[in-house]
């Protein structure tokens, strides 16, 4: 009986972990070109075993659309420039 309970518990844990892994990689589509002045927040998430590349999630604010989140392609030159600009901007204390 203990062996059956342990096996069911292990199966339940494996199912929970499998469903959580799919949620972590949420950048399947890459976002549009962005203006640096519209950036509110920038998050860089590390590469997970089930994601092909690191996730760069940017929160933008515009008058028309309000706040929106987009994923950016980490290999594009514009994204690399944005990361450098954002780090400098954060260091200045803004």
PDB file of N, CA and C in Angstrom:
ATOM      1  N   UNK A   1       0.814  -1.192   0.000  1.00  0.00           N
ATOM      2  CA  UNK A   1       0.000   0.000   0.000  1.00  0.00           C
ATOM      3  C   UNK A   1       0.867   1.270   0.000  1.00  0.00           C
ATOM      4  N   UNK A   2       1.954   1.231   0.782  1.00  0.00           N
ATOM      5  CA  UNK A   2       2.847   2.391   0.830  1.00  0.00           C
ATOM      6  C   UNK A   2       3.503   2.631  -0.524  1.00  0.00           C
ATOM      7  N   UNK A   3       3.831   1.566  -1.222  1.00  0.00           N
ATOM      8  CA  UNK A   3       4.469   1.681  -2.533  1.00  0.00           C
ATOM      9  C   UNK A   3       3.513   2.315  -3.538  1.00  0.00           C
ATOM     10  N   UNK A   4       2.249   1.934  -3.501  1.00  0.00           N
ATOM     11  CA  UNK A   4       1.238   2.503  -4.390  1.00  0.00           C
ATOM     12  C   UNK A   4       1.025   3.983  -4.092  1.00  0.00           C
ATOM     13  N   UNK A   5       0.971   4.348  -2.827  1.00  0.00           N
ATOM     14  CA  UNK A   5       0.803   5.749  -2.436  1.00  0.00           C
ATOM     15  C   UNK A   5       2.000   6.580  -2.880  1.00  0.00           C
ATOM     16  N   UNK A   6       3.191   6.052  -2.707  1.00  0.00           N
ATOM     17  CA  UNK A   6       4.400   6.762  -3.115  1.00  0.00           C
ATOM     18  C   UNK A   6       4.434   6.941  -4.630  1.00  0.00           C
ATOM     19  N   UNK A   7       4.024   5.918  -5.375  1.00  0.00           N
ATOM     20  CA  UNK A   7       4.008   6.005  -6.833  1.00  0.00           C
ATOM     21  C   UNK A   7       2.998   7.040  -7.309  1.00  0.00           C
ATOM     22  N   UNK A   8       1.828   7.090  -6.705  1.00  0.00           N
ATOM     23  CA  UNK A   8       0.817   8.084  -7.071  1.00  0.00           C
ATOM     24  C   UNK A   8       1.277   9.496  -6.732  1.00  0.00           C
ATOM     25  N   UNK A   9       1.920   9.657  -5.597  1.00  0.00           N
ATOM     26  CA  UNK A   9       2.441  10.958  -5.209  1.00  0.00           C
ATOM     27  C   UNK A   9       3.519  11.425  -6.185  1.00  0.00           C
ATOM     28  N   UNK A  10       4.401  10.518  -6.575  1.00  0.00           N
ATOM     29  CA  UNK A  10       5.440  10.850  -7.551  1.00  0.00           C
ATOM     30  C   UNK A  10       4.831  11.234  -8.893  1.00  0.00           C
ATOM     31  N   UNK A  11       3.805  10.518  -9.306  1.00  0.00           N
ATOM     32  CA  UNK A  11       3.124  10.826 -10.560  1.00  0.00           C
ATOM     33  C   UNK A  11       2.470  12.198 -10.497  1.00  0.00           C
ATOM     34  N   UNK A  12       1.854  12.520  -9.375  1.00  0.00           N
ATOM     35  CA  UNK A  12       1.223  13.826  -9.198  1.00  0.00           C
ATOM     36  C   UNK A  12       2.259  14.950  -9.253  1.00  0.00           C
ATOM     37  N   UNK A  13       3.377  14.757  -8.614  1.00  0.00           N
ATOM     38  CA  UNK A  13       4.449  15.767  -8.629  1.00  0.00           C
ATOM     39  C   UNK A  13       4.991  15.949 -10.040  1.00  0.00           C
ATOM     40  N   UNK A  14       5.182  14.855 -10.765  1.00  0.00           N
ATOM     41  CA  UNK A  14       5.687  14.930 -12.143  1.00  0.00           C
ATOM     42  C   UNK A  14       4.702  15.677 -13.036  1.00  0.00           C
ATOM     43  N   UNK A  15       3.418  15.462 -12.852  1.00  0.00           N
ATOM     44  CA  UNK A  15       2.421  16.164 -13.653  1.00  0.00           C
ATOM     45  C   UNK A  15       2.417  17.658 -13.355  1.00  0.00           C
ATOM     46  N   UNK A  16       2.575  18.029 -12.091  1.00  0.00           N
ATOM     47  CA  UNK A  16       2.621  19.448 -11.724  1.00  0.00           C
ATOM     48  C   UNK A  16       3.845  20.126 -12.314  1.00  0.00           C
ATOM     49  N   UNK A  17       4.980  19.468 -12.264  1.00  0.00           N
ATOM     50  CA  UNK A  17       6.204  20.040 -12.826  1.00  0.00           C
ATOM     51  C   UNK A  17       6.106  20.169 -14.335  1.00  0.00           C
ATOM     52  N   UNK A  18       5.515  19.213 -14.995  1.00  0.00           N
ATOM     53  CA  UNK A  18       5.380  19.264 -16.450  1.00  0.00           C
ATOM     54  C   UNK A  18       4.496  20.430 -16.880  1.00  0.00           C
ATOM     55  N   UNK A  19       3.424  20.689 -16.133  1.00  0.00           N
ATOM     56  CA  UNK A  19       2.552  21.806 -16.490  1.00  0.00           C
ATOM     57  C   UNK A  19       3.221  23.143 -16.188  1.00  0.00           C
ATOM     58  N   UNK A  20       4.063  23.215 -15.161  1.00  0.00           N
ATOM     59  CA  UNK A  20       4.755  24.461 -14.814  1.00  0.00           C
ATOM     60  C   UNK A  20       5.835  24.776 -15.830  1.00  0.00           C
ATOM     61  N   UNK A  21       6.472  23.776 -16.422  1.00  0.00           N
ATOM     62  CA  UNK A  21       7.534  24.013 -17.393  1.00  0.00           C
ATOM     63  C   UNK A  21       7.007  24.698 -18.638  1.00  0.00           C
ATOM     64  N   UNK A  22       5.837  24.335 -19.085  1.00  0.00           N
ATOM     65  CA  UNK A  22       5.271  24.938 -20.287  1.00  0.00           C
ATOM     66  C   UNK A  22       4.930  26.398 -20.099  1.00  0.00           C
ATOM     67  N   UNK A  23       4.664  26.805 -18.883  1.00  0.00           N
ATOM     68  CA  UNK A  23       4.285  28.182 -18.599  1.00  0.00           C
ATOM     69  C   UNK A  23       5.503  29.097 -18.614  1.00  0.00           C
ATOM     70  N   UNK A  24       6.657  28.606 -18.236  1.00  0.00           N
ATOM     71  CA  UNK A  24       7.845  29.449 -18.097  1.00  0.00           C
ATOM     72  C   UNK A  24       8.312  30.023 -19.428  1.00  0.00           C
ATOM     73  N   UNK A  25       8.172  29.285 -20.511  1.00  0.00           N
ATOM     74  CA  UNK A  25       8.633  29.751 -21.814  1.00  0.00           C
ATOM     75  C   UNK A  25       7.470  30.407 -22.536  1.00  0.00           C
ATOM     76  N   UNK A  26       7.288  31.708 -22.328  1.00  0.00           N
ATOM     77  CA  UNK A  26       6.125  32.366 -22.900  1.00  0.00           C
ATOM     78  C   UNK A  26       6.449  33.254 -24.098  1.00  0.00           C
ATOM     79  N   UNK A  27       7.663  33.209 -24.586  1.00  0.00           N
ATOM     80  CA  UNK A  27       8.031  34.017 -25.745  1.00  0.00           C
ATOM     81  C   UNK A  27       8.047  33.173 -27.011  1.00  0.00           C
ATOM     82  N   UNK A  28       6.900  32.776 -27.465  1.00  0.00           N
ATOM     83  CA  UNK A  28       6.866  32.020 -28.712  1.00  0.00           C
ATOM     84  C   UNK A  28       6.855  32.959 -29.912  1.00  0.00           C
ATOM     85  N   UNK A  29       6.232  34.134 -29.769  1.00  0.00           N
ATOM     86  CA  UNK A  29       6.248  35.145 -30.821  1.00  0.00           C
ATOM     87  C   UNK A  29       7.083  36.327 -30.358  1.00  0.00           C
ATOM     88  N   UNK A  30       7.759  36.940 -31.276  1.00  0.00           N
ATOM     89  CA  UNK A  30       8.578  38.100 -30.942  1.00  0.00           C
ATOM     90  C   UNK A  30       7.808  39.379 -31.253  1.00  0.00           C
ATOM     91  N   UNK A  31       8.009  40.388 -30.430  1.00  0.00           N
ATOM     92  CA  UNK A  31       7.273  41.641 -30.550  1.00  0.00           C
ATOM     93  C   UNK A  31       7.791  42.549 -31.643  1.00  0.00           C
ATOM     94  N   UNK A  32       7.161  43.701 -31.782  1.00  0.00           N
ATOM     95  CA  UNK A  32       7.509  44.665 -32.832  1.00  0.00           C
ATOM     96  C   UNK A  32       8.733  45.501 -32.457  1.00  0.00           C
ATOM     97  N   UNK A  33       9.154  46.348 -33.380  1.00  0.00           N
ATOM     98  CA  UNK A  33      10.188  47.329 -33.058  1.00  0.00           C
ATOM     99  C   UNK A  33       9.599  48.296 -32.044  1.00  0.00           C
ATOM    100  N   UNK A  34      10.430  48.789 -31.153  1.00  0.00           N
ATOM    101  CA  UNK A  34       9.906  49.660 -30.100  1.00  0.00           C
ATOM    102  C   UNK A  34      10.706  50.952 -30.028  1.00  0.00           C
ATOM    103  N   UNK A  35      10.079  51.947 -29.430  1.00  0.00           N
ATOM    104  CA  UNK A  35      10.763  53.213 -29.147  1.00  0.00           C
ATOM    105  C   UNK A  35      11.271  53.140 -27.710  1.00  0.00           C
ATOM    106  N   UNK A  36      12.506  53.542 -27.515  1.00  0.00           N
ATOM    107  CA  UNK A  36      13.095  53.476 -26.180  1.00  0.00           C
ATOM    108  C   UNK A  36      12.328  54.333 -25.188  1.00  0.00           C
ATOM    109  N   UNK A  37      11.765  55.431 -25.649  1.00  0.00           N
ATOM    110  CA  UNK A  37      11.064  56.342 -24.732  1.00  0.00           C
ATOM    111  C   UNK A  37       9.769  55.750 -24.195  1.00  0.00           C
ATOM    112  N   UNK A  38       9.219  54.723 -24.842  1.00  0.00           N
ATOM    113  CA  UNK A  38       7.969  54.104 -24.390  1.00  0.00           C
ATOM    114  C   UNK A  38       8.189  52.974 -23.393  1.00  0.00           C
ATOM    115  N   UNK A  39       9.433  52.639 -23.102  1.00  0.00           N
ATOM    116  CA  UNK A  39       9.729  51.498 -22.236  1.00  0.00           C
ATOM    117  C   UNK A  39       9.445  51.855 -20.785  1.00  0.00           C
ATOM    118  N   UNK A  40       8.638  51.043 -20.133  1.00  0.00           N
ATOM    119  CA  UNK A  40       8.364  51.208 -18.708  1.00  0.00           C
ATOM    120  C   UNK A  40       9.177  50.223 -17.877  1.00  0.00           C
ATOM    121  N   UNK A  41       9.302  48.988 -18.373  1.00  0.00           N
ATOM    122  CA  UNK A  41       9.968  47.944 -17.608  1.00  0.00           C
ATOM    123  C   UNK A  41      10.590  46.952 -18.570  1.00  0.00           C
ATOM    124  N   UNK A  42      11.741  46.412 -18.200  1.00  0.00           N
ATOM    125  CA  UNK A  42      12.443  45.443 -19.032  1.00  0.00           C
ATOM    126  C   UNK A  42      12.857  44.281 -18.147  1.00  0.00           C
ATOM    127  N   UNK A  43      12.486  43.070 -18.540  1.00  0.00           N
ATOM    128  CA  UNK A  43      12.835  41.866 -17.789  1.00  0.00           C
ATOM    129  C   UNK A  43      13.628  40.934 -18.691  1.00  0.00           C
ATOM    130  N   UNK A  44      14.739  40.445 -18.186  1.00  0.00           N
ATOM    131  CA  UNK A  44      15.521  39.449 -18.908  1.00  0.00           C
ATOM    132  C   UNK A  44      15.472  38.166 -18.102  1.00  0.00           C
ATOM    133  N   UNK A  45      14.840  37.161 -18.663  1.00  0.00           N
ATOM    134  CA  UNK A  45      14.718  35.866 -17.993  1.00  0.00           C
ATOM    135  C   UNK A  45      15.739  34.908 -18.600  1.00  0.00           C
ATOM    136  N   UNK A  46      16.386  34.110 -17.783  1.00  0.00           N
ATOM    137  CA  UNK A  46      17.418  33.203 -18.308  1.00  0.00           C
ATOM    138  C   UNK A  46      16.831  32.103 -19.177  1.00  0.00           C
ATOM    139  N   UNK A  47      17.714  31.448 -19.913  1.00  0.00           N
ATOM    140  CA  UNK A  47      17.320  30.333 -20.760  1.00  0.00           C
ATOM    141  C   UNK A  47      16.990  29.135 -19.887  1.00  0.00           C
ATOM    142  N   UNK A  48      15.841  28.527 -20.117  1.00  0.00           N
ATOM    143  CA  UNK A  48      15.429  27.324 -19.413  1.00  0.00           C
ATOM    144  C   UNK A  48      15.737  26.124 -20.295  1.00  0.00           C
ATOM    145  N   UNK A  49      15.793  24.928 -19.740  1.00  0.00           N
ATOM    146  CA  UNK A  49      16.078  23.750 -20.563  1.00  0.00           C
ATOM    147  C   UNK A  49      15.068  23.525 -21.687  1.00  0.00           C
ATOM    148  N   UNK A  50      13.859  23.991 -21.508  1.00  0.00           N
ATOM    149  CA  UNK A  50      12.823  23.768 -22.509  1.00  0.00           C
ATOM    150  C   UNK A  50      12.578  24.988 -23.382  1.00  0.00           C
ATOM    151  N   UNK A  51      13.332  26.074 -23.182  1.00  0.00           N
ATOM    152  CA  UNK A  51      13.257  27.256 -24.050  1.00  0.00           C
ATOM    153  C   UNK A  51      14.517  27.320 -24.890  1.00  0.00           C
ATOM    154  N   UNK A  52      14.356  27.735 -26.128  1.00  0.00           N
ATOM    155  CA  UNK A  52      15.485  27.786 -27.046  1.00  0.00           C
ATOM    156  C   UNK A  52      16.448  28.916 -26.696  1.00  0.00           C
ATOM    157  N   UNK A  53      15.917  30.076 -26.312  1.00  0.00           N
ATOM    158  CA  UNK A  53      16.764  31.236 -26.025  1.00  0.00           C
ATOM    159  C   UNK A  53      16.227  31.980 -24.809  1.00  0.00           C
ATOM    160  N   UNK A  54      17.023  32.945 -24.304  1.00  0.00           N
ATOM    161  CA  UNK A  54      16.578  33.715 -23.150  1.00  0.00           C
ATOM    162  C   UNK A  54      15.389  34.593 -23.539  1.00  0.00           C
ATOM    163  N   UNK A  55      14.568  34.912 -22.553  1.00  0.00           N
ATOM    164  CA  UNK A  55      13.372  35.711 -22.803  1.00  0.00           C
ATOM    165  C   UNK A  55      13.633  37.147 -22.401  1.00  0.00           C
ATOM    166  N   UNK A  56      13.342  38.065 -23.294  1.00  0.00           N
ATOM    167  CA  UNK A  56      13.437  39.492 -23.002  1.00  0.00           C
ATOM    168  C   UNK A  56      12.026  40.044 -23.131  1.00  0.00           C
ATOM    169  N   UNK A  57      11.451  40.400 -22.001  1.00  0.00           N
ATOM    170  CA  UNK A  57      10.070  40.877 -21.962  1.00  0.00           C
ATOM    171  C   UNK A  57      10.098  42.366 -21.629  1.00  0.00           C
ATOM    172  N   UNK A  58       9.484  43.161 -22.479  1.00  0.00           N
ATOM    173  CA  UNK A  58       9.475  44.599 -22.305  1.00  0.00           C
ATOM    174  C   UNK A  58       8.025  45.054 -22.123  1.00  0.00           C
ATOM    175  N   UNK A  59       7.824  45.972 -21.172  1.00  0.00           N
ATOM    176  CA  UNK A  59       6.507  46.567 -20.954  1.00  0.00           C
ATOM    177  C   UNK A  59       6.546  47.977 -21.517  1.00  0.00           C
ATOM    178  N   UNK A  60       5.654  48.241 -22.449  1.00  0.00           N
ATOM    179  CA  UNK A  60       5.593  49.543 -23.111  1.00  0.00           C
ATOM    180  C   UNK A  60       4.342  50.284 -22.677  1.00  0.00           C
ATOM    181  N   UNK A  61       4.403  51.602 -22.757  1.00  0.00           N
ATOM    182  CA  UNK A  61       3.229  52.416 -22.488  1.00  0.00           C
ATOM    183  C   UNK A  61       3.060  53.417 -23.614  1.00  0.00           C
ATOM    184  N   UNK A  62       1.871  53.447 -24.183  1.00  0.00           N
ATOM    185  CA  UNK A  62       1.525  54.455 -25.177  1.00  0.00           C
ATOM    186  C   UNK A  62       0.170  55.032 -24.810  1.00  0.00           C
ATOM    187  N   UNK A  63      -0.108  56.223 -25.286  1.00  0.00           N
ATOM    188  CA  UNK A  63      -1.384  56.862 -24.983  1.00  0.00           C
ATOM    189  C   UNK A  63      -2.561  56.066 -25.550  1.00  0.00           C
ATOM    190  N   UNK A  64      -2.396  55.581 -26.754  1.00  0.00           N
ATOM    191  CA  UNK A  64      -3.506  54.913 -27.435  1.00  0.00           C
ATOM    192  C   UNK A  64      -3.795  53.540 -26.850  1.00  0.00           C
ATOM    193  N   UNK A  65      -2.753  52.740 -26.632  1.00  0.00           N
ATOM    194  CA  UNK A  65      -2.943  51.349 -26.225  1.00  0.00           C
ATOM    195  C   UNK A  65      -2.719  51.090 -24.745  1.00  0.00           C
ATOM    196  N   UNK A  66      -2.165  52.026 -24.022  1.00  0.00           N
ATOM    197  CA  UNK A  66      -1.876  51.806 -22.605  1.00  0.00           C
ATOM    198  C   UNK A  66      -0.646  50.923 -22.438  1.00  0.00           C
ATOM    199  N   UNK A  67      -0.648  50.099 -21.385  1.00  0.00           N
ATOM    200  CA  UNK A  67       0.494  49.210 -21.135  1.00  0.00           C
ATOM    201  C   UNK A  67       0.328  47.906 -21.899  1.00  0.00           C
ATOM    202  N   UNK A  68       1.420  47.473 -22.535  1.00  0.00           N
ATOM    203  CA  UNK A  68       1.439  46.203 -23.249  1.00  0.00           C
ATOM    204  C   UNK A  68       2.772  45.528 -23.024  1.00  0.00           C
ATOM    205  N   UNK A  69       2.754  44.202 -22.998  1.00  0.00           N
ATOM    206  CA  UNK A  69       3.992  43.437 -22.869  1.00  0.00           C
ATOM    207  C   UNK A  69       4.306  42.757 -24.195  1.00  0.00           C
ATOM    208  N   UNK A  70       5.598  42.782 -24.545  1.00  0.00           N
ATOM    209  CA  UNK A  70       6.051  42.136 -25.769  1.00  0.00           C
ATOM    210  C   UNK A  70       7.331  41.363 -25.476  1.00  0.00           C
ATOM    211  N   UNK A  71       7.540  40.302 -26.228  1.00  0.00           N
ATOM    212  CA  UNK A  71       8.801  39.573 -26.190  1.00  0.00           C
ATOM    213  C   UNK A  71       9.674  40.079 -27.327  1.00  0.00           C
ATOM    214  N   UNK A  72      10.958  40.240 -27.050  1.00  0.00           N
ATOM    215  CA  UNK A  72      11.878  40.720 -28.070  1.00  0.00           C
ATOM    216  C   UNK A  72      12.867  39.627 -28.438  1.00  0.00           C
ATOM    217  N   UNK A  73      13.312  39.657 -29.675  1.00  0.00           N
ATOM    218  CA  UNK A  73      14.292  38.709 -30.159  1.00  0.00           C
ATOM    219  C   UNK A  73      15.668  39.120 -29.628  1.00  0.00           C
ATOM    220  N   UNK A  74      16.317  38.274 -28.816  1.00  0.00           N
ATOM    221  CA  UNK A  74      17.589  38.673 -28.214  1.00  0.00           C
ATOM    222  C   UNK A  74      18.744  38.793 -29.206  1.00  0.00           C
ATOM    223  N   UNK A  75      18.580  38.302 -30.415  1.00  0.00           N
ATOM    224  CA  UNK A  75      19.662  38.344 -31.405  1.00  0.00           C
ATOM    225  C   UNK A  75      19.621  39.586 -32.282  1.00  0.00           C
ATOM    226  N   UNK A  76      18.527  40.354 -32.245  1.00  0.00           N
ATOM    227  CA  UNK A  76      18.415  41.549 -33.086  1.00  0.00           C
ATOM    228  C   UNK A  76      19.278  42.672 -32.527  1.00  0.00           C
ATOM    229  N   UNK A  77      19.823  43.453 -33.420  1.00  0.00           N
ATOM    230  CA  UNK A  77      20.699  44.556 -33.022  1.00  0.00           C
ATOM    231  C   UNK A  77      19.938  45.599 -32.205  1.00  0.00           C
ATOM    232  N   UNK A  78      18.693  45.843 -32.559  1.00  0.00           N
ATOM    233  CA  UNK A  78      17.883  46.820 -31.834  1.00  0.00           C
ATOM    234  C   UNK A  78      17.665  46.399 -30.385  1.00  0.00           C
ATOM    235  N   UNK A  79      17.477  45.102 -30.133  1.00  0.00           N
ATOM    236  CA  UNK A  79      17.294  44.605 -28.777  1.00  0.00           C
ATOM    237  C   UNK A  79      18.582  44.739 -27.975  1.00  0.00           C
ATOM    238  N   UNK A  80      19.708  44.456 -28.598  1.00  0.00           N
ATOM    239  CA  UNK A  80      21.005  44.596 -27.911  1.00  0.00           C
ATOM    240  C   UNK A  80      21.227  46.051 -27.514  1.00  0.00           C
ATOM    241  N   UNK A  81      20.902  46.975 -28.417  1.00  0.00           N
ATOM    242  CA  UNK A  81      21.028  48.396 -28.104  1.00  0.00           C
ATOM    243  C   UNK A  81      20.081  48.799 -26.974  1.00  0.00           C
ATOM    244  N   UNK A  82      18.869  48.255 -26.986  1.00  0.00           N
ATOM    245  CA  UNK A  82      17.910  48.558 -25.930  1.00  0.00           C
ATOM    246  C   UNK A  82      18.414  48.088 -24.581  1.00  0.00           C
ATOM    247  N   UNK A  83      18.994  46.903 -24.512  1.00  0.00           N
ATOM    248  CA  UNK A  83      19.533  46.390 -23.245  1.00  0.00           C
ATOM    249  C   UNK A  83      20.636  47.297 -22.714  1.00  0.00           C
ATOM    250  N   UNK A  84      21.535  47.726 -23.583  1.00  0.00           N
ATOM    251  CA  UNK A  84      22.613  48.629 -23.158  1.00  0.00           C
ATOM    252  C   UNK A  84      22.042  49.957 -22.677  1.00  0.00           C
ATOM    253  N   UNK A  85      21.105  50.522 -23.424  1.00  0.00           N
ATOM    254  CA  UNK A  85      20.494  51.798 -23.058  1.00  0.00           C
ATOM    255  C   UNK A  85      19.767  51.685 -21.722  1.00  0.00           C
ATOM    256  N   UNK A  86      19.036  50.603 -21.517  1.00  0.00           N
ATOM    257  CA  UNK A  86      18.252  50.442 -20.294  1.00  0.00           C
ATOM    258  C   UNK A  86      19.156  50.309 -19.074  1.00  0.00           C
ATOM    259  N   UNK A  87      20.267  49.583 -19.222  1.00  0.00           N
ATOM    260  CA  UNK A  87      21.202  49.451 -18.091  1.00  0.00           C
ATOM    261  C   UNK A  87      21.802  50.800 -17.712  1.00  0.00           C
ATOM    262  N   UNK A  88      22.188  51.599 -18.697  1.00  0.00           N
ATOM    263  CA  UNK A  88      22.735  52.933 -18.426  1.00  0.00           C
ATOM    264  C   UNK A  88      21.666  53.818 -17.794  1.00  0.00           C
ATOM    265  N   UNK A  89      20.457  53.733 -18.305  1.00  0.00           N
ATOM    266  CA  UNK A  89      19.352  54.537 -17.804  1.00  0.00           C
ATOM    267  C   UNK A  89      19.045  54.188 -16.349  1.00  0.00           C
ATOM    268  N   UNK A  90      19.088  52.898 -16.014  1.00  0.00           N
ATOM    269  CA  UNK A  90      18.836  52.460 -14.644  1.00  0.00           C
ATOM    270  C   UNK A  90      19.960  52.903 -13.697  1.00  0.00           C
ATOM    271  N   UNK A  91      21.208  52.872 -14.188  1.00  0.00           N
ATOM    272  CA  UNK A  91      22.334  53.276 -13.343  1.00  0.00           C
ATOM    273  C   UNK A  91      22.261  54.758 -12.980  1.00  0.00           C
ATOM    274  N   UNK A  92      21.675  55.548 -13.850  1.00  0.00           N
ATOM    275  CA  UNK A  92      21.554  56.991 -13.567  1.00  0.00           C
ATOM    276  C   UNK A  92      20.480  57.262 -12.527  1.00  0.00           C
ATOM    277  N   UNK A  93      19.734  56.229 -12.154  1.00  0.00           N
ATOM    278  CA  UNK A  93      18.746  56.387 -11.089  1.00  0.00           C
ATOM    279  C   UNK A  93      17.409  56.906 -11.533  1.00  0.00           C
ATOM    280  N   UNK A  94      17.033  56.627 -12.751  1.00  0.00           N
ATOM    281  CA  UNK A  94      15.748  57.116 -13.237  1.00  0.00           C
ATOM    282  C   UNK A  94      14.676  56.126 -13.024  1.00  0.00           C
TER     283      UNK A  94
END
